[in-house]
């Protein structure tokens, strides 16, 4: 097994573990009475994705628009 396949294997196992937790601990099934739980889970995932990708977008934009460190150091002298 190569070194490049280890992160892929860990990602697959992490997704499988999330599925096990959803089914066995949170009792998320495909029944019609679980629609509210599914909608709450989807909304929570949406909020988390907005926070993560929004933060990455803001940090990338700040990094792109920031002055190089050498110029900042010259301004402080």
PDB file of N, CA and C in Angstrom:
ATOM      1  N   UNK A   1       0.846  -1.176   0.000  1.00  0.00           N
ATOM      2  CA  UNK A   1       0.000   0.000   0.000  1.00  0.00           C
ATOM      3  C   UNK A   1       0.891   1.238   0.000  1.00  0.00           C
ATOM      4  N   UNK A   2       0.686   2.114  -0.979  1.00  0.00           N
ATOM      5  CA  UNK A   2       1.522   3.291  -1.133  1.00  0.00           C
ATOM      6  C   UNK A   2       1.145   4.394  -0.165  1.00  0.00           C
ATOM      7  N   UNK A   3       2.041   5.333  -0.027  1.00  0.00           N
ATOM      8  CA  UNK A   3       1.815   6.444   0.896  1.00  0.00           C
ATOM      9  C   UNK A   3       0.674   7.340   0.433  1.00  0.00           C
ATOM     10  N   UNK A   4       0.414   7.388  -0.874  1.00  0.00           N
ATOM     11  CA  UNK A   4      -0.658   8.251  -1.373  1.00  0.00           C
ATOM     12  C   UNK A   4      -2.042   7.656  -1.139  1.00  0.00           C
ATOM     13  N   UNK A   5      -2.123   6.362  -0.872  1.00  0.00           N
ATOM     14  CA  UNK A   5      -3.433   5.741  -0.661  1.00  0.00           C
ATOM     15  C   UNK A   5      -3.880   5.799   0.799  1.00  0.00           C
ATOM     16  N   UNK A   6      -3.001   6.178   1.710  1.00  0.00           N
ATOM     17  CA  UNK A   6      -3.357   6.239   3.125  1.00  0.00           C
ATOM     18  C   UNK A   6      -4.399   7.326   3.396  1.00  0.00           C
ATOM     19  N   UNK A   7      -4.251   8.560   2.889  1.00  0.00           N
ATOM     20  CA  UNK A   7      -5.305   9.560   3.137  1.00  0.00           C
ATOM     21  C   UNK A   7      -6.652   9.162   2.524  1.00  0.00           C
ATOM     22  N   UNK A   8      -6.624   8.509   1.377  1.00  0.00           N
ATOM     23  CA  UNK A   8      -7.872   8.067   0.755  1.00  0.00           C
ATOM     24  C   UNK A   8      -8.545   7.012   1.618  1.00  0.00           C
ATOM     25  N   UNK A   9      -7.761   6.056   2.111  1.00  0.00           N
ATOM     26  CA  UNK A   9      -8.317   5.013   2.970  1.00  0.00           C
ATOM     27  C   UNK A   9      -8.864   5.603   4.263  1.00  0.00           C
ATOM     28  N   UNK A  10      -8.159   6.558   4.856  1.00  0.00           N
ATOM     29  CA  UNK A  10      -8.648   7.201   6.075  1.00  0.00           C
ATOM     30  C   UNK A  10      -9.933   7.972   5.822  1.00  0.00           C
ATOM     31  N   UNK A  11     -10.038   8.626   4.670  1.00  0.00           N
ATOM     32  CA  UNK A  11     -11.268   9.356   4.333  1.00  0.00           C
ATOM     33  C   UNK A  11     -12.448   8.404   4.174  1.00  0.00           C
ATOM     34  N   UNK A  12     -12.223   7.293   3.510  1.00  0.00           N
ATOM     35  CA  UNK A  12     -13.294   6.305   3.331  1.00  0.00           C
ATOM     36  C   UNK A  12     -13.735   5.747   4.677  1.00  0.00           C
ATOM     37  N   UNK A  13     -12.781   5.429   5.535  1.00  0.00           N
ATOM     38  CA  UNK A  13     -13.128   4.910   6.859  1.00  0.00           C
ATOM     39  C   UNK A  13     -13.841   5.964   7.711  1.00  0.00           C
ATOM     40  N   UNK A  14     -13.459   7.221   7.594  1.00  0.00           N
ATOM     41  CA  UNK A  14     -14.122   8.288   8.348  1.00  0.00           C
ATOM     42  C   UNK A  14     -15.575   8.450   7.896  1.00  0.00           C
ATOM     43  N   UNK A  15     -15.802   8.391   6.597  1.00  0.00           N
ATOM     44  CA  UNK A  15     -17.179   8.498   6.083  1.00  0.00           C
ATOM     45  C   UNK A  15     -18.004   7.301   6.530  1.00  0.00           C
ATOM     46  N   UNK A  16     -17.403   6.113   6.519  1.00  0.00           N
ATOM     47  CA  UNK A  16     -18.115   4.920   6.990  1.00  0.00           C
ATOM     48  C   UNK A  16     -18.451   5.044   8.473  1.00  0.00           C
ATOM     49  N   UNK A  17     -17.542   5.591   9.256  1.00  0.00           N
ATOM     50  CA  UNK A  17     -17.806   5.761  10.677  1.00  0.00           C
ATOM     51  C   UNK A  17     -18.929   6.770  10.919  1.00  0.00           C
ATOM     52  N   UNK A  18     -18.982   7.830  10.118  1.00  0.00           N
ATOM     53  CA  UNK A  18     -20.087   8.786  10.240  1.00  0.00           C
ATOM     54  C   UNK A  18     -21.413   8.108   9.936  1.00  0.00           C
ATOM     55  N   UNK A  19     -21.429   7.254   8.923  1.00  0.00           N
ATOM     56  CA  UNK A  19     -22.653   6.521   8.599  1.00  0.00           C
ATOM     57  C   UNK A  19     -23.089   5.606   9.731  1.00  0.00           C
ATOM     58  N   UNK A  20     -22.140   4.911  10.343  1.00  0.00           N
ATOM     59  CA  UNK A  20     -22.463   4.037  11.479  1.00  0.00           C
ATOM     60  C   UNK A  20     -23.028   4.848  12.632  1.00  0.00           C
ATOM     61  N   UNK A  21     -22.441   5.995  12.925  1.00  0.00           N
ATOM     62  CA  UNK A  21     -22.946   6.833  14.013  1.00  0.00           C
ATOM     63  C   UNK A  21     -24.355   7.329  13.709  1.00  0.00           C
ATOM     64  N   UNK A  22     -24.603   7.733  12.477  1.00  0.00           N
ATOM     65  CA  UNK A  22     -25.931   8.227  12.127  1.00  0.00           C
ATOM     66  C   UNK A  22     -26.991   7.143  12.281  1.00  0.00           C
ATOM     67  N   UNK A  23     -26.678   5.940  11.883  1.00  0.00           N
ATOM     68  CA  UNK A  23     -27.678   4.864  11.910  1.00  0.00           C
ATOM     69  C   UNK A  23     -27.832   4.276  13.306  1.00  0.00           C
ATOM     70  N   UNK A  24     -26.736   3.926  13.961  1.00  0.00           N
ATOM     71  CA  UNK A  24     -26.833   3.179  15.208  1.00  0.00           C
ATOM     72  C   UNK A  24     -26.951   4.045  16.452  1.00  0.00           C
ATOM     73  N   UNK A  25     -26.394   5.257  16.442  1.00  0.00           N
ATOM     74  CA  UNK A  25     -26.459   6.092  17.629  1.00  0.00           C
ATOM     75  C   UNK A  25     -27.529   7.164  17.527  1.00  0.00           C
ATOM     76  N   UNK A  26     -27.699   7.763  16.352  1.00  0.00           N
ATOM     77  CA  UNK A  26     -28.717   8.790  16.176  1.00  0.00           C
ATOM     78  C   UNK A  26     -30.016   8.239  15.597  1.00  0.00           C
ATOM     79  N   UNK A  27     -30.032   6.960  15.269  1.00  0.00           N
ATOM     80  CA  UNK A  27     -31.223   6.260  14.766  1.00  0.00           C
ATOM     81  C   UNK A  27     -31.826   6.954  13.543  1.00  0.00           C
ATOM     82  N   UNK A  28     -30.963   7.344  12.615  1.00  0.00           N
ATOM     83  CA  UNK A  28     -31.412   7.947  11.359  1.00  0.00           C
ATOM     84  C   UNK A  28     -31.710   6.820  10.383  1.00  0.00           C
ATOM     85  N   UNK A  29     -32.962   6.665  10.047  1.00  0.00           N
ATOM     86  CA  UNK A  29     -33.369   5.640   9.090  1.00  0.00           C
ATOM     87  C   UNK A  29     -34.080   6.305   7.931  1.00  0.00           C
ATOM     88  N   UNK A  30     -34.532   5.505   6.997  1.00  0.00           N
ATOM     89  CA  UNK A  30     -35.199   6.057   5.816  1.00  0.00           C
ATOM     90  C   UNK A  30     -36.717   6.109   5.992  1.00  0.00           C
ATOM     91  N   UNK A  31     -37.205   5.928   7.190  1.00  0.00           N
ATOM     92  CA  UNK A  31     -38.648   5.956   7.443  1.00  0.00           C
ATOM     93  C   UNK A  31     -39.224   7.350   7.293  1.00  0.00           C
ATOM     94  N   UNK A  32     -40.545   7.438   7.087  1.00  0.00           N
ATOM     95  CA  UNK A  32     -41.175   8.755   6.903  1.00  0.00           C
ATOM     96  C   UNK A  32     -41.184   9.603   8.175  1.00  0.00           C
ATOM     97  N   UNK A  33     -41.046   8.979   9.334  1.00  0.00           N
ATOM     98  CA  UNK A  33     -41.046   9.739  10.579  1.00  0.00           C
ATOM     99  C   UNK A  33     -39.703  10.389  10.866  1.00  0.00           C
ATOM    100  N   UNK A  34     -38.716  10.163  10.056  1.00  0.00           N
ATOM    101  CA  UNK A  34     -37.390  10.743  10.256  1.00  0.00           C
ATOM    102  C   UNK A  34     -37.126  11.945   9.378  1.00  0.00           C
ATOM    103  N   UNK A  35     -38.135  12.476   8.739  1.00  0.00           N
ATOM    104  CA  UNK A  35     -37.932  13.616   7.833  1.00  0.00           C
ATOM    105  C   UNK A  35     -37.405  14.836   8.590  1.00  0.00           C
ATOM    106  N   UNK A  36     -37.937  15.094   9.782  1.00  0.00           N
ATOM    107  CA  UNK A  36     -37.466  16.250  10.559  1.00  0.00           C
ATOM    108  C   UNK A  36     -36.009  16.086  10.965  1.00  0.00           C
ATOM    109  N   UNK A  37     -35.621  14.886  11.362  1.00  0.00           N
ATOM    110  CA  UNK A  37     -34.217  14.643  11.722  1.00  0.00           C
ATOM    111  C   UNK A  37     -33.308  14.828  10.523  1.00  0.00           C
ATOM    112  N   UNK A  38     -33.748  14.355   9.374  1.00  0.00           N
ATOM    113  CA  UNK A  38     -32.947  14.491   8.163  1.00  0.00           C
ATOM    114  C   UNK A  38     -32.810  15.950   7.751  1.00  0.00           C
ATOM    115  N   UNK A  39     -33.881  16.704   7.861  1.00  0.00           N
ATOM    116  CA  UNK A  39     -33.826  18.124   7.514  1.00  0.00           C
ATOM    117  C   UNK A  39     -32.917  18.885   8.487  1.00  0.00           C
ATOM    118  N   UNK A  40     -32.973  18.543   9.774  1.00  0.00           N
ATOM    119  CA  UNK A  40     -32.103  19.186  10.753  1.00  0.00           C
ATOM    120  C   UNK A  40     -30.642  18.852  10.470  1.00  0.00           C
ATOM    121  N   UNK A  41     -30.361  17.614  10.101  1.00  0.00           N
ATOM    122  CA  UNK A  41     -28.995  17.218   9.750  1.00  0.00           C
ATOM    123  C   UNK A  41     -28.515  17.963   8.508  1.00  0.00           C
ATOM    124  N   UNK A  42     -29.362  18.062   7.499  1.00  0.00           N
ATOM    125  CA  UNK A  42     -28.993  18.771   6.271  1.00  0.00           C
ATOM    126  C   UNK A  42     -28.739  20.250   6.556  1.00  0.00           C
ATOM    127  N   UNK A  43     -29.570  20.853   7.391  1.00  0.00           N
ATOM    128  CA  UNK A  43     -29.372  22.267   7.739  1.00  0.00           C
ATOM    129  C   UNK A  43     -28.070  22.454   8.511  1.00  0.00           C
ATOM    130  N   UNK A  44     -27.779  21.554   9.441  1.00  0.00           N
ATOM    131  CA  UNK A  44     -26.524  21.630  10.189  1.00  0.00           C
ATOM    132  C   UNK A  44     -25.315  21.501   9.282  1.00  0.00           C
ATOM    133  N   UNK A  45     -25.388  20.571   8.321  1.00  0.00           N
ATOM    134  CA  UNK A  45     -24.283  20.418   7.363  1.00  0.00           C
ATOM    135  C   UNK A  45     -24.126  21.660   6.498  1.00  0.00           C
ATOM    136  N   UNK A  46     -25.244  22.273   6.106  1.00  0.00           N
ATOM    137  CA  UNK A  46     -25.182  23.506   5.318  1.00  0.00           C
ATOM    138  C   UNK A  46     -24.482  24.611   6.097  1.00  0.00           C
ATOM    139  N   UNK A  47     -24.832  24.768   7.367  1.00  0.00           N
ATOM    140  CA  UNK A  47     -24.211  25.808   8.187  1.00  0.00           C
ATOM    141  C   UNK A  47     -22.723  25.554   8.356  1.00  0.00           C
ATOM    142  N   UNK A  48     -22.344  24.309   8.614  1.00  0.00           N
ATOM    143  CA  UNK A  48     -20.923  23.973   8.781  1.00  0.00           C
ATOM    144  C   UNK A  48     -20.157  24.245   7.488  1.00  0.00           C
ATOM    145  N   UNK A  49     -20.719  23.840   6.351  1.00  0.00           N
ATOM    146  CA  UNK A  49     -20.047  24.084   5.066  1.00  0.00           C
ATOM    147  C   UNK A  49     -19.911  25.579   4.789  1.00  0.00           C
ATOM    148  N   UNK A  50     -20.950  26.360   5.097  1.00  0.00           N
ATOM    149  CA  UNK A  50     -20.857  27.803   4.904  1.00  0.00           C
ATOM    150  C   UNK A  50     -19.756  28.402   5.772  1.00  0.00           C
ATOM    151  N   UNK A  51     -19.658  27.960   7.013  1.00  0.00           N
ATOM    152  CA  UNK A  51     -18.612  28.479   7.895  1.00  0.00           C
ATOM    153  C   UNK A  51     -17.216  28.101   7.414  1.00  0.00           C
ATOM    154  N   UNK A  52     -17.027  26.850   7.038  1.00  0.00           N
ATOM    155  CA  UNK A  52     -15.701  26.393   6.626  1.00  0.00           C
ATOM    156  C   UNK A  52     -15.281  27.046   5.312  1.00  0.00           C
ATOM    157  N   UNK A  53     -16.131  26.946   4.284  1.00  0.00           N
ATOM    158  CA  UNK A  53     -15.744  27.495   2.988  1.00  0.00           C
ATOM    159  C   UNK A  53     -15.732  29.019   2.994  1.00  0.00           C
ATOM    160  N   UNK A  54     -16.613  29.648   3.766  1.00  0.00           N
ATOM    161  CA  UNK A  54     -16.575  31.105   3.888  1.00  0.00           C
ATOM    162  C   UNK A  54     -15.297  31.574   4.555  1.00  0.00           C
ATOM    163  N   UNK A  55     -14.873  30.870   5.595  1.00  0.00           N
ATOM    164  CA  UNK A  55     -13.627  31.227   6.272  1.00  0.00           C
ATOM    165  C   UNK A  55     -12.428  31.044   5.353  1.00  0.00           C
ATOM    166  N   UNK A  56     -12.409  29.928   4.610  1.00  0.00           N
ATOM    167  CA  UNK A  56     -11.307  29.706   3.663  1.00  0.00           C
ATOM    168  C   UNK A  56     -11.288  30.768   2.576  1.00  0.00           C
ATOM    169  N   UNK A  57     -12.462  31.164   2.097  1.00  0.00           N
ATOM    170  CA  UNK A  57     -12.549  32.185   1.062  1.00  0.00           C
ATOM    171  C   UNK A  57     -12.034  33.532   1.588  1.00  0.00           C
ATOM    172  N   UNK A  58     -12.438  33.887   2.794  1.00  0.00           N
ATOM    173  CA  UNK A  58     -11.988  35.148   3.381  1.00  0.00           C
ATOM    174  C   UNK A  58     -10.479  35.129   3.611  1.00  0.00           C
ATOM    175  N   UNK A  59      -9.948  34.031   4.141  1.00  0.00           N
ATOM    176  CA  UNK A  59      -8.504  33.961   4.392  1.00  0.00           C
ATOM    177  C   UNK A  59      -7.713  33.997   3.088  1.00  0.00           C
ATOM    178  N   UNK A  60      -8.205  33.335   2.035  1.00  0.00           N
ATOM    179  CA  UNK A  60      -7.508  33.372   0.752  1.00  0.00           C
ATOM    180  C   UNK A  60      -7.543  34.780   0.169  1.00  0.00           C
ATOM    181  N   UNK A  61      -8.668  35.468   0.314  1.00  0.00           N
ATOM    182  CA  UNK A  61      -8.780  36.834  -0.196  1.00  0.00           C
ATOM    183  C   UNK A  61      -7.853  37.776   0.574  1.00  0.00           C
ATOM    184  N   UNK A  62      -7.799  37.633   1.893  1.00  0.00           N
ATOM    185  CA  UNK A  62      -6.894  38.462   2.680  1.00  0.00           C
ATOM    186  C   UNK A  62      -5.437  38.187   2.325  1.00  0.00           C
ATOM    187  N   UNK A  63      -5.103  36.915   2.135  1.00  0.00           N
ATOM    188  CA  UNK A  63      -3.728  36.553   1.776  1.00  0.00           C
ATOM    189  C   UNK A  63      -3.358  37.141   0.419  1.00  0.00           C
ATOM    190  N   UNK A  64      -4.299  37.140  -0.505  1.00  0.00           N
ATOM    191  CA  UNK A  64      -4.030  37.661  -1.849  1.00  0.00           C
ATOM    192  C   UNK A  64      -3.858  39.179  -1.823  1.00  0.00           C
ATOM    193  N   UNK A  65      -4.637  39.869  -1.004  1.00  0.00           N
ATOM    194  CA  UNK A  65      -4.634  41.334  -1.006  1.00  0.00           C
ATOM    195  C   UNK A  65      -3.678  41.945   0.006  1.00  0.00           C
ATOM    196  N   UNK A  66      -2.999  41.141   0.802  1.00  0.00           N
ATOM    197  CA  UNK A  66      -2.127  41.682   1.836  1.00  0.00           C
ATOM    198  C   UNK A  66      -0.772  42.070   1.261  1.00  0.00           C
ATOM    199  N   UNK A  67      -0.214  43.102   1.834  1.00  0.00           N
ATOM    200  CA  UNK A  67       1.091  43.590   1.424  1.00  0.00           C
ATOM    201  C   UNK A  67       2.166  42.580   1.848  1.00  0.00           C
ATOM    202  N   UNK A  68       3.221  42.410   1.040  1.00  0.00           N
ATOM    203  CA  UNK A  68       4.306  41.495   1.444  1.00  0.00           C
ATOM    204  C   UNK A  68       4.953  41.937   2.755  1.00  0.00           C
ATOM    205  N   UNK A  69       5.448  40.985   3.513  1.00  0.00           N
ATOM    206  CA  UNK A  69       6.010  41.244   4.833  1.00  0.00           C
ATOM    207  C   UNK A  69       7.204  42.187   4.778  1.00  0.00           C
ATOM    208  N   UNK A  70       8.005  42.126   3.718  1.00  0.00           N
ATOM    209  CA  UNK A  70       9.167  43.009   3.614  1.00  0.00           C
ATOM    210  C   UNK A  70       8.729  44.468   3.593  1.00  0.00           C
ATOM    211  N   UNK A  71       7.660  44.761   2.868  1.00  0.00           N
ATOM    212  CA  UNK A  71       7.184  46.150   2.807  1.00  0.00           C
ATOM    213  C   UNK A  71       6.603  46.590   4.138  1.00  0.00           C
ATOM    214  N   UNK A  72       5.966  45.704   4.845  1.00  0.00           N
ATOM    215  CA  UNK A  72       5.414  46.059   6.162  1.00  0.00           C
ATOM    216  C   UNK A  72       6.551  46.370   7.123  1.00  0.00           C
ATOM    217  N   UNK A  73       7.607  45.568   7.072  1.00  0.00           N
ATOM    218  CA  UNK A  73       8.748  45.801   7.944  1.00  0.00           C
ATOM    219  C   UNK A  73       9.456  47.123   7.626  1.00  0.00           C
ATOM    220  N   UNK A  74       9.537  47.471   6.341  1.00  0.00           N
ATOM    221  CA  UNK A  74      10.156  48.737   5.955  1.00  0.00           C
ATOM    222  C   UNK A  74       9.338  49.919   6.421  1.00  0.00           C
ATOM    223  N   UNK A  75       8.005  49.787   6.437  1.00  0.00           N
ATOM    224  CA  UNK A  75       7.140  50.872   6.887  1.00  0.00           C
ATOM    225  C   UNK A  75       7.264  51.116   8.390  1.00  0.00           C
ATOM    226  N   UNK A  76       7.614  50.096   9.150  1.00  0.00           N
ATOM    227  CA  UNK A  76       7.712  50.245  10.593  1.00  0.00           C
ATOM    228  C   UNK A  76       9.003  50.889  11.041  1.00  0.00           C
ATOM    229  N   UNK A  77       9.996  50.971  10.177  1.00  0.00           N
ATOM    230  CA  UNK A  77      11.290  51.572  10.528  1.00  0.00           C
ATOM    231  C   UNK A  77      11.259  53.057  10.432  1.00  0.00           C
TER     232      UNK A  77
END
